[in-house]
Amino acid sequence: MPGALIDAARDALLLALALSLPIVAVAALVGFVVAAIQAATRIEDSTVSYLPRLLAVVAALAVLGPWMGREIGAFAERMFVMAAAAPR
């Protein structure tokens, strides 16, 4: 039983990483592009980078949301099955 809990915890951490990585990557990529444009045009306003990054993250969440929901649902189903099959 402790081995199953360790495996479940590892799977949960890997799932959290897999689900957050695309969103963080989109935010980082958009931030890098906006920073390059700001450097090229010499715009020094730090608030300019927030709106494109926010819009990109919202768009990524809208596109990836169904996949993320399916992955979380599948993980929850596996955990419920594991809990139901556990000896008492």
C-alpha atoms as a PDB file:
ATOM      1  CA  MET A   1       0.000   0.000   0.000  1.00  0.00           C
ATOM      2  CA  PRO A   2       2.748   2.579   0.739  1.00  0.00           C
ATOM      3  CA  GLY A   3       4.257   1.807  -2.658  1.00  0.00           C
ATOM      4  CA  ALA A   4       0.944   2.535  -4.351  1.00  0.00           C
ATOM      5  CA  LEU A   5       0.682   5.851  -2.504  1.00  0.00           C
ATOM      6  CA  ILE A   6       4.182   6.822  -3.581  1.00  0.00           C
ATOM      7  CA  ASP A   7       3.347   5.914  -7.182  1.00  0.00           C
ATOM      8  CA  ALA A   8       0.124   7.943  -6.998  1.00  0.00           C
ATOM      9  CA  ALA A   9       1.959  10.952  -5.577  1.00  0.00           C
ATOM     10  CA  ARG A  10       4.596  10.696  -8.313  1.00  0.00           C
ATOM     11  CA  ASP A  11       1.877  10.439 -10.969  1.00  0.00           C
ATOM     12  CA  ALA A  12       0.119  13.488  -9.499  1.00  0.00           C
ATOM     13  CA  LEU A  13       3.308  15.553  -9.607  1.00  0.00           C
ATOM     14  CA  LEU A  14       4.063  14.477 -13.170  1.00  0.00           C
ATOM     15  CA  LEU A  15       0.498  15.307 -14.188  1.00  0.00           C
ATOM     16  CA  ALA A  16       0.783  18.759 -12.622  1.00  0.00           C
ATOM     17  CA  LEU A  17       4.031  19.310 -14.513  1.00  0.00           C
ATOM     18  CA  ALA A  18       2.595  18.051 -17.803  1.00  0.00           C
ATOM     19  CA  LEU A  19      -0.479  20.249 -17.498  1.00  0.00           C
ATOM     20  CA  SER A  20       1.313  23.418 -16.463  1.00  0.00           C
ATOM     21  CA  LEU A  21       4.293  23.197 -18.801  1.00  0.00           C
ATOM     22  CA  PRO A  22       2.483  24.167 -22.046  1.00  0.00           C
ATOM     23  CA  ILE A  23       0.898  27.221 -20.419  1.00  0.00           C
ATOM     24  CA  VAL A  24       4.176  28.351 -18.876  1.00  0.00           C
ATOM     25  CA  ALA A  25       5.961  27.771 -22.194  1.00  0.00           C
ATOM     26  CA  VAL A  26       3.425  29.931 -24.051  1.00  0.00           C
ATOM     27  CA  ALA A  27       3.792  32.707 -21.485  1.00  0.00           C
ATOM     28  CA  ALA A  28       7.579  32.532 -21.658  1.00  0.00           C
ATOM     29  CA  LEU A  29       7.650  32.508 -25.460  1.00  0.00           C
ATOM     30  CA  VAL A  30       5.287  35.464 -25.750  1.00  0.00           C
ATOM     31  CA  GLY A  31       7.237  37.311 -23.073  1.00  0.00           C
ATOM     32  CA  PHE A  32      10.462  36.700 -24.978  1.00  0.00           C
ATOM     33  CA  VAL A  33       8.969  37.923 -28.270  1.00  0.00           C
ATOM     34  CA  VAL A  34       7.503  41.036 -26.649  1.00  0.00           C
ATOM     35  CA  ALA A  35      10.809  41.755 -24.907  1.00  0.00           C
ATOM     36  CA  ALA A  36      12.644  41.448 -28.228  1.00  0.00           C
ATOM     37  CA  ILE A  37      10.172  43.823 -29.883  1.00  0.00           C
ATOM     38  CA  GLN A  38      10.496  46.250 -26.991  1.00  0.00           C
ATOM     39  CA  ALA A  39      14.281  46.133 -27.250  1.00  0.00           C
ATOM     40  CA  ALA A  40      14.166  46.686 -31.003  1.00  0.00           C
ATOM     41  CA  THR A  41      11.775  49.627 -30.749  1.00  0.00           C
ATOM     42  CA  ARG A  42      13.237  50.979 -27.497  1.00  0.00           C
ATOM     43  CA  ILE A  43       9.872  50.981 -25.744  1.00  0.00           C
ATOM     44  CA  GLU A  44      10.674  50.951 -22.041  1.00  0.00           C
ATOM     45  CA  ASP A  45       7.168  50.645 -20.615  1.00  0.00           C
ATOM     46  CA  SER A  46       7.074  47.474 -18.513  1.00  0.00           C
ATOM     47  CA  THR A  47       3.278  47.204 -18.638  1.00  0.00           C
ATOM     48  CA  VAL A  48       3.253  46.638 -22.409  1.00  0.00           C
ATOM     49  CA  SER A  49       4.241  42.991 -22.039  1.00  0.00           C
ATOM     50  CA  TYR A  50       1.354  42.014 -19.749  1.00  0.00           C
ATOM     51  CA  LEU A  51      -1.561  42.190 -22.171  1.00  0.00           C
ATOM     52  CA  PRO A  52      -0.067  40.020 -24.961  1.00  0.00           C
ATOM     53  CA  ARG A  53       1.077  37.477 -22.389  1.00  0.00           C
ATOM     54  CA  LEU A  54      -2.341  37.434 -20.725  1.00  0.00           C
ATOM     55  CA  LEU A  55      -4.128  37.010 -24.054  1.00  0.00           C
ATOM     56  CA  ALA A  56      -1.759  34.225 -25.095  1.00  0.00           C
ATOM     57  CA  VAL A  57      -2.249  32.359 -21.819  1.00  0.00           C
ATOM     58  CA  VAL A  58      -6.049  32.703 -22.058  1.00  0.00           C
ATOM     59  CA  ALA A  59      -5.948  31.422 -25.655  1.00  0.00           C
ATOM     60  CA  ALA A  60      -3.704  28.510 -24.651  1.00  0.00           C
ATOM     61  CA  LEU A  61      -6.055  27.635 -21.805  1.00  0.00           C
ATOM     62  CA  ALA A  62      -9.029  27.769 -24.171  1.00  0.00           C
ATOM     63  CA  VAL A  63      -7.288  25.458 -26.636  1.00  0.00           C
ATOM     64  CA  LEU A  64      -5.716  23.084 -24.113  1.00  0.00           C
ATOM     65  CA  GLY A  65      -8.521  23.188 -21.536  1.00  0.00           C
ATOM     66  CA  PRO A  66     -10.432  20.144 -22.815  1.00  0.00           C
ATOM     67  CA  TRP A  67      -7.268  18.043 -22.901  1.00  0.00           C
ATOM     68  CA  MET A  68      -6.332  19.200 -19.406  1.00  0.00           C
ATOM     69  CA  GLY A  69      -9.794  18.348 -18.114  1.00  0.00           C
ATOM     70  CA  ARG A  70      -9.658  14.859 -19.647  1.00  0.00           C
ATOM     71  CA  GLU A  71      -6.259  14.206 -18.100  1.00  0.00           C
ATOM     72  CA  ILE A  72      -7.400  15.330 -14.654  1.00  0.00           C
ATOM     73  CA  GLY A  73     -10.586  13.288 -14.969  1.00  0.00           C
ATOM     74  CA  ALA A  74      -8.661  10.177 -16.007  1.00  0.00           C
ATOM     75  CA  PHE A  75      -6.276  10.621 -13.089  1.00  0.00           C
ATOM     76  CA  ALA A  76      -9.164  11.083 -10.646  1.00  0.00           C
ATOM     77  CA  GLU A  77     -10.848   7.963 -12.020  1.00  0.00           C
ATOM     78  CA  ARG A  78      -7.635   5.958 -11.534  1.00  0.00           C
ATOM     79  CA  MET A  79      -7.357   7.207  -7.957  1.00  0.00           C
ATOM     80  CA  PHE A  80     -10.982   6.302  -7.169  1.00  0.00           C
ATOM     81  CA  VAL A  81     -10.507   2.834  -8.636  1.00  0.00           C
ATOM     82  CA  MET A  82      -7.318   2.411  -6.629  1.00  0.00           C
ATOM     83  CA  ALA A  83      -9.073   3.570  -3.440  1.00  0.00           C
ATOM     84  CA  ALA A  84     -11.988   1.217  -4.042  1.00  0.00           C
ATOM     85  CA  ALA A  85      -9.677  -1.751  -4.622  1.00  0.00           C
ATOM     86  CA  ALA A  86      -7.569  -1.045  -1.533  1.00  0.00           C
ATOM     87  CA  PRO A  87      -7.825  -3.623   1.246  1.00  0.00           C
ATOM     88  CA  ARG A  88      -9.550  -2.431   4.392  1.00  0.00           C
END
